Protein backbone atom coordinates (compact mmCIF):
# COMPACT_ATOMS: atom_id res chain seq x y z
CA MET A 1 -87.98 27.24 122.07
CA VAL A 2 -88.50 24.49 124.65
CA LEU A 3 -86.97 21.95 122.26
CA SER A 4 -83.95 24.19 121.69
CA LEU A 5 -83.34 24.53 125.42
CA ILE A 6 -83.56 20.75 125.87
CA THR A 7 -81.11 20.24 123.00
CA LEU A 8 -78.71 22.81 124.50
CA ALA A 9 -78.91 21.18 127.92
CA ALA A 10 -78.02 17.82 126.39
CA THR A 11 -75.13 19.30 124.38
CA VAL A 12 -73.37 21.28 127.15
CA PRO A 13 -72.30 18.19 129.20
CA LEU A 14 -70.84 16.64 126.04
CA ILE A 15 -68.78 19.77 125.34
CA ALA A 16 -67.58 19.89 128.96
CA THR A 17 -66.63 16.20 128.84
CA SER A 18 -64.72 16.68 125.58
CA THR A 19 -62.83 19.65 127.06
CA ILE A 20 -61.84 17.65 130.14
CA GLN A 21 -60.68 14.75 127.97
CA LEU A 22 -58.54 17.06 125.82
CA GLN A 23 -57.00 18.60 128.94
CA GLU A 24 -56.24 15.15 130.35
CA GLN A 25 -54.69 14.02 127.06
CA SER A 26 -52.57 17.17 126.91
CA GLN A 27 -51.40 16.64 130.49
CA ARG A 28 -50.54 12.99 129.79
CA LYS A 29 -48.52 13.98 126.70
CA GLN A 30 -46.67 16.63 128.70
CA GLU A 31 -45.87 14.15 131.47
CA GLU A 32 -44.69 11.56 128.93
CA SER A 33 -42.51 14.18 127.22
CA GLU A 34 -40.98 15.26 130.54
CA LEU A 35 -40.30 11.64 131.51
CA GLU A 36 -38.68 10.94 128.14
CA LEU A 37 -36.48 14.03 128.52
CA LYS A 38 -35.40 13.14 132.06
CA THR A 39 -34.50 9.56 131.18
CA GLU A 40 -32.73 10.37 127.91
CA LYS A 41 -28.98 9.89 128.28
CA CYS A 42 -26.93 13.02 127.58
CA HIS A 43 -23.60 14.75 128.11
CA LEU A 44 -23.20 17.99 130.09
CA SER A 45 -21.37 21.13 129.12
CA GLY A 46 -20.41 23.95 131.46
CA ARG A 47 -21.08 27.52 130.40
CA ALA A 48 -20.17 30.73 132.22
CA THR A 49 -23.33 32.67 133.08
CA LYS A 50 -24.12 36.07 131.58
CA ARG A 51 -23.13 37.65 134.90
CA MET A 52 -19.53 36.66 134.15
CA SER A 53 -17.19 38.73 132.00
CA ALA A 54 -17.07 38.35 128.23
CA GLU A 55 -13.59 36.87 128.66
CA ARG A 56 -14.91 34.15 130.98
CA GLN A 57 -17.84 33.43 128.68
CA GLN A 58 -15.41 32.98 125.81
CA GLN A 59 -13.16 30.76 127.92
CA PHE A 60 -16.04 28.44 128.87
CA GLN A 61 -17.79 28.21 125.53
CA ASP A 62 -16.55 24.66 124.83
CA MET A 63 -16.13 23.10 128.28
CA ARG A 64 -17.59 19.68 129.03
CA VAL A 65 -18.15 17.81 132.29
CA ILE A 66 -15.80 14.88 132.82
CA LEU A 67 -15.20 12.36 135.63
CA ASP A 68 -11.87 11.72 137.29
CA ASP A 69 -11.00 10.00 140.57
CA GLY A 70 -14.51 10.37 142.02
CA TYR A 71 -14.93 14.05 141.15
CA LEU A 72 -16.57 16.12 138.41
CA PHE A 73 -14.50 18.61 136.42
CA LEU A 74 -14.81 20.93 133.45
CA GLU A 75 -12.22 20.58 130.71
CA PRO A 76 -12.01 21.94 127.16
CA ARG A 77 -13.52 19.39 124.82
CA ALA A 78 -10.51 19.51 122.51
CA VAL A 79 -8.00 18.42 125.16
CA SER A 80 -10.04 16.18 127.46
CA ARG A 81 -9.26 12.46 127.44
CA LYS A 82 -11.28 11.54 130.52
CA HIS A 83 -14.70 9.84 130.62
CA PRO A 84 -17.41 12.45 129.94
CA PHE A 85 -20.56 12.71 132.02
CA THR A 86 -23.03 10.44 130.24
CA GLY A 87 -26.22 10.18 132.24
CA TYR A 88 -29.81 11.07 133.05
CA LEU A 89 -32.24 11.75 135.90
CA LEU A 90 -33.49 8.80 137.94
CA PRO A 91 -35.75 8.51 141.01
CA TYR A 92 -33.49 8.37 144.05
CA PRO A 93 -34.11 5.25 146.17
CA ASP A 94 -36.42 5.76 149.16
CA LYS A 95 -36.83 9.45 148.37
CA SER A 96 -39.60 11.45 146.70
CA TYR A 97 -37.24 13.23 144.30
CA ASP A 98 -34.99 12.55 141.32
CA GLY A 99 -31.24 12.23 141.48
CA ILE A 100 -28.84 12.05 138.57
CA VAL A 101 -26.64 9.18 137.43
CA THR A 102 -23.78 8.85 134.96
CA THR A 103 -21.75 6.10 133.39
CA ILE A 104 -18.20 6.05 134.75
CA ASN A 105 -16.45 3.87 132.17
CA ALA A 106 -16.78 2.21 128.78
CA GLU A 107 -18.58 -0.73 130.43
CA ASN A 108 -21.48 1.64 131.29
CA MET A 109 -21.28 1.14 135.06
CA LEU A 110 -23.40 3.82 136.73
CA ASN A 111 -22.73 6.09 139.71
CA TRP A 112 -24.85 8.67 141.50
CA ILE A 113 -23.83 12.32 141.36
CA PHE A 114 -23.92 14.09 144.72
CA VAL A 115 -22.83 17.27 146.51
CA ASN A 116 -20.45 16.72 149.40
CA LYS A 117 -22.06 18.25 152.49
CA ASP A 118 -18.76 19.48 153.89
CA THR A 119 -16.93 20.77 150.83
CA TYR A 120 -19.91 21.48 148.49
CA ARG A 121 -17.93 19.77 145.73
CA LEU A 122 -19.66 17.60 143.10
CA GLN A 123 -18.62 13.97 143.32
CA HIS A 124 -19.81 10.60 142.02
CA GLY A 125 -20.04 7.23 143.69
CA ILE A 126 -22.16 4.22 144.52
CA ARG A 127 -25.34 4.63 146.56
CA ALA A 128 -23.56 3.96 149.87
CA GLU A 129 -21.27 6.93 149.13
CA ALA A 130 -24.03 9.21 147.86
CA HIS A 131 -26.63 8.50 150.53
CA PRO A 132 -25.07 10.49 153.43
CA GLN A 133 -24.51 13.46 151.11
CA TRP A 134 -26.86 15.67 149.04
CA ALA A 135 -28.09 13.64 146.07
CA GLY A 136 -31.10 15.75 145.14
CA PRO A 137 -33.63 16.92 144.28
CA VAL A 138 -32.32 17.35 140.74
CA THR A 139 -34.58 18.98 138.15
CA LEU A 140 -34.38 20.32 134.60
CA VAL A 141 -34.98 23.98 133.85
CA SER A 142 -35.58 25.54 130.45
CA GLY A 143 -32.54 27.28 128.99
CA GLN A 144 -31.84 30.30 126.82
CA ALA A 145 -32.36 28.61 123.47
CA LEU A 146 -35.15 26.47 122.05
CA ASN A 147 -34.98 22.91 123.42
CA GLU A 148 -32.12 23.80 125.77
CA TRP A 149 -32.33 22.28 129.24
CA ARG A 150 -30.09 22.86 132.23
CA ILE A 151 -29.52 21.09 135.53
CA ALA A 152 -30.79 22.56 138.80
CA PHE A 153 -30.13 21.25 142.31
CA ASN A 154 -32.73 21.81 145.02
CA GLY A 155 -34.53 24.22 142.67
CA TRP A 156 -31.50 26.42 142.05
CA GLU A 157 -28.67 26.65 139.50
CA GLY A 158 -26.00 27.43 142.05
CA PHE A 159 -23.09 25.75 140.28
CA VAL A 160 -19.62 27.27 140.14
CA ALA A 161 -16.29 26.20 138.69
CA VAL A 162 -13.07 26.56 140.68
CA GLU A 163 -9.79 26.78 138.78
CA GLU A 164 -7.30 23.98 139.42
CA ASP A 165 -5.10 24.76 136.44
CA GLU A 166 -5.44 26.47 133.08
CA GLU A 167 -7.42 23.63 131.52
CA ARG A 168 -9.18 22.00 134.48
CA TRP A 169 -11.90 23.38 136.73
CA ALA A 170 -13.50 21.58 139.69
CA ILE A 171 -17.30 21.85 139.96
CA TYR A 172 -18.99 22.95 143.19
CA PHE A 173 -22.51 23.87 144.32
CA ASP A 174 -22.47 27.29 145.97
CA LYS A 175 -25.09 26.36 148.57
CA ASP A 176 -24.60 29.49 150.68
CA ASP A 177 -24.51 31.81 147.63
CA ASN A 178 -21.32 33.50 148.81
CA GLY A 179 -18.76 32.44 146.21
CA LEU A 180 -17.70 29.44 148.35
CA ALA A 181 -16.32 31.69 151.07
CA GLY A 182 -14.53 29.51 153.61
CA LYS A 183 -14.68 26.48 151.31
CA VAL A 184 -11.90 27.12 148.81
CA GLU A 185 -8.69 29.11 148.68
CA ALA A 186 -8.29 32.24 146.56
CA ASN A 187 -8.59 30.37 143.27
CA ALA A 188 -10.74 31.85 140.51
CA VAL A 189 -14.44 31.03 140.98
CA VAL A 190 -16.73 31.25 137.95
CA GLU A 191 -20.52 31.03 138.03
CA ILE A 192 -21.62 28.37 135.52
CA GLU A 193 -24.65 26.65 134.04
CA LEU A 194 -24.70 22.89 133.42
CA VAL A 195 -26.34 22.34 130.03
CA ARG A 196 -27.60 19.04 128.58
CA THR A 197 -25.88 18.24 125.27
CA PRO A 198 -26.44 15.36 122.82
CA LEU A 199 -24.41 12.17 123.07
CA GLU A 200 -21.38 12.05 120.82
CA GLU A 201 -21.72 8.29 120.62
CA GLU A 202 -25.01 6.61 121.43
CA ALA A 203 -24.42 4.07 124.17
CA ARG A 204 -27.32 2.65 126.12
CA SER A 205 -27.32 0.15 128.97
CA ASP A 206 -29.98 -1.48 131.09
CA GLU A 207 -27.57 -1.82 134.02
CA GLY A 208 -28.67 0.17 137.06
CA PRO A 209 -26.58 2.09 139.60
CA ASP A 210 -25.26 0.35 142.71
């Protein structure tokens, strides 16, 4: 009996150590997986939320995020000829959070995405343009389907699309959660989700944002 107790006492610390090591390995793998996901270049699509009508959901089922003249828009994939969002999350300089960057042309020059503090509209620009505005924190949240990830700003998916014409919608962040009251005219405002989608053409660059 005494020998058994001594053997048990010697075995328990080994089991505890093994459990801690497995937990640490699991945590490291999770962190590595999250880092790989955040830094993997992707496109973005815009989808009407389930709170919108079936007609709106149908209308937005094939919209992608594009860049034009410093702003972000949604356009139907079939008609768009503008440069699509092609980016990833990146630690924002001198801050403790991630921002998000995108290529802006075929040469893979990068810009930061930011929310204009006055208009709440999503724009892109160099760091000097993004820094006075809201550039983060940007995070990924799990979506409806397996392996689906969506973009959140400051912990919330408060994105909306504002109609400019039949095939182009400007993207805003509804910071005050009031349908952009006082920010836009009486255009149609649709609650959307920004969903990561695979690259149509793999294009990688080591060039960093300005």
